[in-house]
Amino acid sequence: MSTPTLRLERSLLREGHRLLAAADEVGRGALCGPVTIGMVVISEQTRTAPRGVRDSKLLTPAARAALAPKVRRWAPHHAVGHASPAEIDEFGMTVALRLAGHRALAGLGVEPDVVLLDGKHDYLSLPAEMPLFGPEGMLDRVPPVRTAIKADMRCAAVAAASILAKTERDAIMAGLARQWPEYGWEQNKGYSAPEHVEALRRLGPCDVHRRSWSLPGVVAGAVPAGVLDSPEPRMEEMR
């Protein structure tokens, strides 16, 4: 598999953009926990990405942990944003992705001129008609957005952003596993691994499951007594 490069990012910068933010998401397909967006900002002066940077899904946990501080030094302007499972339930995944992305944008400390997203779906831009009431944390405007299919595989800055997003979300899930140890999140990170599905079948969902989803092993509306007694973590605890 080819090593990701900054070729696409540099071509966008040569169009007259001074700063480019590259973004990637993790947790979209999980059954619980937040959806998370990582972002890094590069310019024409940014050097080649640290050796070993790949899409986070292709790296071992140890490799991601070793690369994350190198990525933060390489791209001093970086941020990670989250949308909670409660926000996913209330607003849907598209809005939750937008919210997490806006929170990441707000945390960069600089305003990029363009944002590069992995995939073909622009979840970051504001819709033509905004609802009267929406989640807190949405920005009034966002930079122009470009999308690129398989950018996490091709683009080093997007791959770097995925490493920051993955390591931070994994840490959140490991912390939540100490509160709800039955689901095995320290290993499966909230995805539909067999031990997670079996625990859902036995125990039902807890407060950080995405309860608007059709969770495997869960009969609609059937939540065993006592399972949802633990308080939902505050957003600041999920950052």
Protein backbone atom coordinates (compact mmCIF):
# COMPACT_ATOMS: atom_id res chain seq x y z
CA MET A 1 0.00 0.00 0.00
CA SER A 2 1.40 3.41 -0.99
CA THR A 3 2.51 5.90 1.64
CA PRO A 4 0.21 8.94 1.97
CA THR A 5 1.71 12.21 0.79
CA LEU A 6 0.91 15.92 0.88
CA ARG A 7 0.45 16.05 -2.89
CA LEU A 8 -3.27 16.87 -2.85
CA GLU A 9 -2.94 19.22 0.11
CA ARG A 10 -0.15 21.16 -1.60
CA SER A 11 -2.16 21.40 -4.82
CA LEU A 12 -5.01 23.00 -2.87
CA LEU A 13 -2.61 25.39 -1.17
CA ARG A 14 -1.24 26.43 -4.56
CA GLU A 15 -4.73 27.60 -5.51
CA GLY A 16 -4.09 30.60 -3.27
CA HIS A 17 -4.99 29.24 0.16
CA ARG A 18 -2.63 30.12 3.00
CA LEU A 19 -3.80 27.57 5.56
CA LEU A 20 -5.46 24.21 4.93
CA ALA A 21 -7.23 22.16 7.61
CA ALA A 22 -7.38 18.42 7.00
CA ALA A 23 -10.03 16.46 8.88
CA ASP A 24 -11.10 12.88 9.51
CA GLU A 25 -13.76 11.25 11.67
CA VAL A 26 -13.84 8.20 13.89
CA GLY A 27 -16.70 6.56 15.72
CA ARG A 28 -19.40 7.02 13.11
CA GLY A 29 -20.24 3.32 13.04
CA ALA A 30 -19.85 2.61 16.75
CA LEU A 31 -22.82 1.61 18.88
CA CYS A 32 -21.94 3.95 21.73
CA GLY A 33 -19.73 6.84 22.73
CA PRO A 34 -19.02 10.03 20.82
CA VAL A 35 -18.37 10.63 17.16
CA THR A 36 -15.04 12.42 16.88
CA ILE A 37 -13.38 14.69 14.32
CA GLY A 38 -9.64 15.33 14.24
CA MET A 39 -8.12 18.30 12.40
CA VAL A 40 -4.60 19.47 11.60
CA VAL A 41 -3.60 22.69 9.82
CA ILE A 42 -0.79 22.86 7.30
CA SER A 43 0.69 25.54 5.04
CA GLU A 44 3.08 25.53 2.08
CA GLN A 45 5.92 25.67 4.60
CA THR A 46 4.82 22.48 6.38
CA ARG A 47 7.36 19.71 6.07
CA THR A 48 6.68 16.10 5.11
CA ALA A 49 4.54 14.29 7.69
CA PRO A 50 6.29 12.22 10.35
CA ARG A 51 7.52 8.82 9.21
CA GLY A 52 4.90 6.14 9.75
CA VAL A 53 1.80 8.33 9.45
CA ARG A 54 -1.00 6.25 7.95
CA ASP A 55 -4.75 6.08 8.25
CA SER A 56 -5.29 5.28 11.93
CA LYS A 57 -7.22 2.09 11.09
CA LEU A 58 -4.02 0.62 9.61
CA LEU A 59 -1.92 1.26 12.71
CA THR A 60 -1.61 -0.68 15.94
CA PRO A 61 -2.62 1.11 19.17
CA ALA A 62 1.07 1.33 20.13
CA ALA A 63 1.99 2.89 16.78
CA ARG A 64 -0.86 5.43 17.05
CA ALA A 65 0.18 6.35 20.59
CA ALA A 66 3.78 6.89 19.47
CA LEU A 67 2.76 8.95 16.43
CA ALA A 68 0.20 11.24 18.11
CA PRO A 69 2.75 13.53 19.86
CA LYS A 70 4.83 13.65 16.67
CA VAL A 71 1.75 14.76 14.73
CA ARG A 72 1.02 17.48 17.31
CA ARG A 73 4.58 18.81 17.00
CA TRP A 74 4.44 18.60 13.20
CA ALA A 75 1.13 20.50 12.99
CA PRO A 76 1.11 22.94 15.93
CA HIS A 77 -2.44 24.02 15.07
CA HIS A 78 -4.57 20.94 15.67
CA ALA A 79 -7.78 20.05 17.50
CA VAL A 80 -10.24 17.26 18.16
CA GLY A 81 -13.99 17.77 18.50
CA HIS A 82 -16.68 15.42 19.76
CA ALA A 83 -20.45 15.07 19.62
CA SER A 84 -21.92 13.02 22.46
CA PRO A 85 -24.20 9.98 22.07
CA ALA A 86 -27.05 12.08 23.44
CA GLU A 87 -26.45 14.64 20.67
CA ILE A 88 -26.32 11.85 18.09
CA ASP A 89 -29.68 10.60 19.38
CA GLU A 90 -31.23 14.07 19.41
CA PHE A 91 -29.94 15.53 16.16
CA GLY A 92 -28.89 12.57 14.00
CA MET A 93 -25.47 11.58 12.74
CA THR A 94 -25.09 14.21 10.00
CA VAL A 95 -25.66 17.07 12.44
CA ALA A 96 -23.50 15.35 15.06
CA LEU A 97 -20.62 15.12 12.58
CA ARG A 98 -21.08 18.80 11.73
CA LEU A 99 -21.13 19.70 15.42
CA ALA A 100 -17.96 17.72 16.17
CA GLY A 101 -16.29 19.30 13.15
CA HIS A 102 -17.27 22.81 14.20
CA ARG A 103 -15.91 22.15 17.69
CA ALA A 104 -12.63 21.01 16.15
CA LEU A 105 -12.52 24.11 13.93
CA ALA A 106 -13.12 26.33 16.94
CA GLY A 107 -10.24 24.68 18.79
CA LEU A 108 -7.61 25.21 16.10
CA GLY A 109 -6.58 28.70 17.20
CA VAL A 110 -6.38 29.84 13.57
CA GLU A 111 -8.92 30.16 10.79
CA PRO A 112 -8.06 27.94 7.81
CA ASP A 113 -8.83 29.09 4.28
CA VAL A 114 -10.06 25.68 3.14
CA VAL A 115 -10.91 22.35 4.77
CA LEU A 116 -10.20 18.95 3.24
CA LEU A 117 -12.55 16.13 4.33
CA ASP A 118 -12.18 12.42 3.76
CA GLY A 119 -14.97 10.89 1.70
CA LYS A 120 -17.52 12.42 -0.64
CA HIS A 121 -19.94 13.88 1.91
CA ASP A 122 -19.53 17.47 3.10
CA TYR A 123 -20.85 17.24 6.65
CA LEU A 124 -19.11 20.43 7.76
CA SER A 125 -20.75 23.18 5.68
CA LEU A 126 -23.85 24.88 7.01
CA PRO A 127 -27.16 23.95 5.35
CA ALA A 128 -28.99 26.57 3.32
CA GLU A 129 -31.67 26.80 6.02
CA MET A 130 -30.54 26.45 9.61
CA PRO A 131 -33.09 25.24 12.18
CA LEU A 132 -34.25 27.82 14.67
CA PHE A 133 -32.94 25.73 17.55
CA GLY A 134 -29.92 23.49 17.23
CA PRO A 135 -27.00 22.12 19.22
CA GLU A 136 -24.65 24.47 21.00
CA GLY A 137 -21.24 24.80 19.40
CA MET A 138 -22.18 25.47 15.78
CA LEU A 139 -20.14 28.21 14.11
CA ASP A 140 -21.76 31.02 12.17
CA ARG A 141 -19.64 30.26 9.14
CA VAL A 142 -17.07 27.73 8.00
CA PRO A 143 -14.33 27.86 5.36
CA PRO A 144 -14.88 26.37 1.91
CA VAL A 145 -14.82 22.57 1.98
CA ARG A 146 -13.20 20.12 -0.42
CA THR A 147 -13.84 16.39 -0.24
CA ALA A 148 -11.68 13.54 -1.50
CA ILE A 149 -12.55 9.84 -1.55
CA LYS A 150 -9.98 7.75 0.35
CA ALA A 151 -8.22 10.90 1.51
CA ASP A 152 -7.35 9.07 4.73
CA MET A 153 -5.29 6.66 2.61
CA ARG A 154 -3.87 9.19 0.12
CA CYS A 155 -3.38 12.39 2.08
CA ALA A 156 -0.83 12.57 4.87
CA ALA A 157 -2.53 15.48 6.65
CA VAL A 158 -5.88 13.66 6.71
CA ALA A 159 -4.17 10.51 7.99
CA ALA A 160 -2.48 12.60 10.70
CA ALA A 161 -5.85 14.03 11.72
CA SER A 162 -7.27 10.51 11.92
CA ILE A 163 -4.51 9.52 14.36
CA LEU A 164 -5.38 12.39 16.70
CA ALA A 165 -9.09 11.59 16.50
CA LYS A 166 -8.60 7.86 17.03
CA THR A 167 -6.23 8.13 20.00
CA GLU A 168 -8.45 10.65 21.77
CA ARG A 169 -11.68 8.73 21.19
CA ASP A 170 -10.03 5.45 22.22
CA ALA A 171 -8.94 7.09 25.48
CA ILE A 172 -12.51 8.24 26.09
CA MET A 173 -13.84 4.73 25.51
CA ALA A 174 -11.22 3.22 27.83
CA GLY A 175 -12.35 5.66 30.51
CA LEU A 176 -16.00 4.78 29.96
CA ALA A 177 -15.09 1.08 30.17
CA ARG A 178 -14.08 1.60 33.79
CA GLN A 179 -17.58 2.87 34.49
CA TRP A 180 -19.36 0.19 32.44
CA PRO A 181 -16.90 -2.75 32.34
CA GLU A 182 -19.42 -5.32 31.10
CA TYR A 183 -19.31 -4.20 27.46
CA GLY A 184 -15.56 -4.64 26.82
CA TRP A 185 -15.01 -1.13 25.47
CA GLU A 186 -11.35 -1.12 26.46
CA GLN A 187 -10.92 -3.59 23.60
CA ASN A 188 -13.78 -3.00 21.13
CA LYS A 189 -14.03 0.81 21.60
CA GLY A 190 -17.82 0.66 21.29
CA TYR A 191 -18.05 -1.15 17.96
CA SER A 192 -20.16 -4.27 17.38
CA ALA A 193 -17.66 -6.89 18.50
CA PRO A 194 -19.18 -10.20 19.68
CA GLU A 195 -18.60 -9.51 23.38
CA HIS A 196 -20.24 -6.09 23.06
CA VAL A 197 -23.28 -7.50 21.27
CA GLU A 198 -23.57 -10.32 23.81
CA ALA A 199 -23.46 -7.80 26.69
CA LEU A 200 -26.17 -5.75 24.98
CA ARG A 201 -28.28 -8.89 24.69
CA ARG A 202 -27.86 -9.66 28.40
CA LEU A 203 -27.89 -6.17 29.92
CA GLY A 204 -29.45 -3.84 27.40
CA PRO A 205 -28.01 -0.41 26.59
CA CYS A 206 -26.45 1.99 29.08
CA ASP A 207 -26.48 5.77 29.07
CA VAL A 208 -23.71 6.18 26.49
CA HIS A 209 -25.23 3.85 23.92
CA ARG A 210 -26.87 5.45 20.91
CA ARG A 211 -30.36 4.49 21.92
CA SER A 212 -32.03 5.93 18.82
CA TRP A 213 -30.25 3.20 16.84
CA SER A 214 -31.42 -0.35 16.25
CA LEU A 215 -28.84 -1.84 18.58
CA PRO A 216 -28.03 -5.52 17.93
CA GLY A 217 -29.43 -7.87 20.53
CA VAL A 218 -31.79 -5.24 21.95
CA VAL A 219 -35.55 -5.48 21.62
CA ALA A 220 -36.96 -2.04 20.82
CA GLY A 221 -38.09 -0.32 24.00
CA ALA A 222 -36.77 -3.04 26.31
CA VAL A 223 -34.31 -1.57 28.82
CA PRO A 224 -33.68 -3.62 31.98
CA ALA A 225 -34.26 -1.78 35.26
CA GLY A 226 -31.15 -0.25 36.77
CA VAL A 227 -29.05 -0.29 33.62
CA LEU A 228 -29.57 3.41 32.93
CA ASP A 229 -29.04 4.64 36.46
CA SER A 230 -25.50 5.96 35.96
CA PRO A 231 -25.31 9.67 35.09
CA GLU A 232 -24.41 10.54 31.54
CA PRO A 233 -20.89 11.99 31.27
CA ARG A 234 -20.67 15.73 30.65
CA MET A 235 -19.17 16.87 27.34
CA GLU A 236 -16.08 18.18 29.14
CA GLU A 237 -15.47 14.66 30.43
CA MET A 238 -15.60 13.32 26.86
CA ARG A 239 -12.97 15.69 25.46
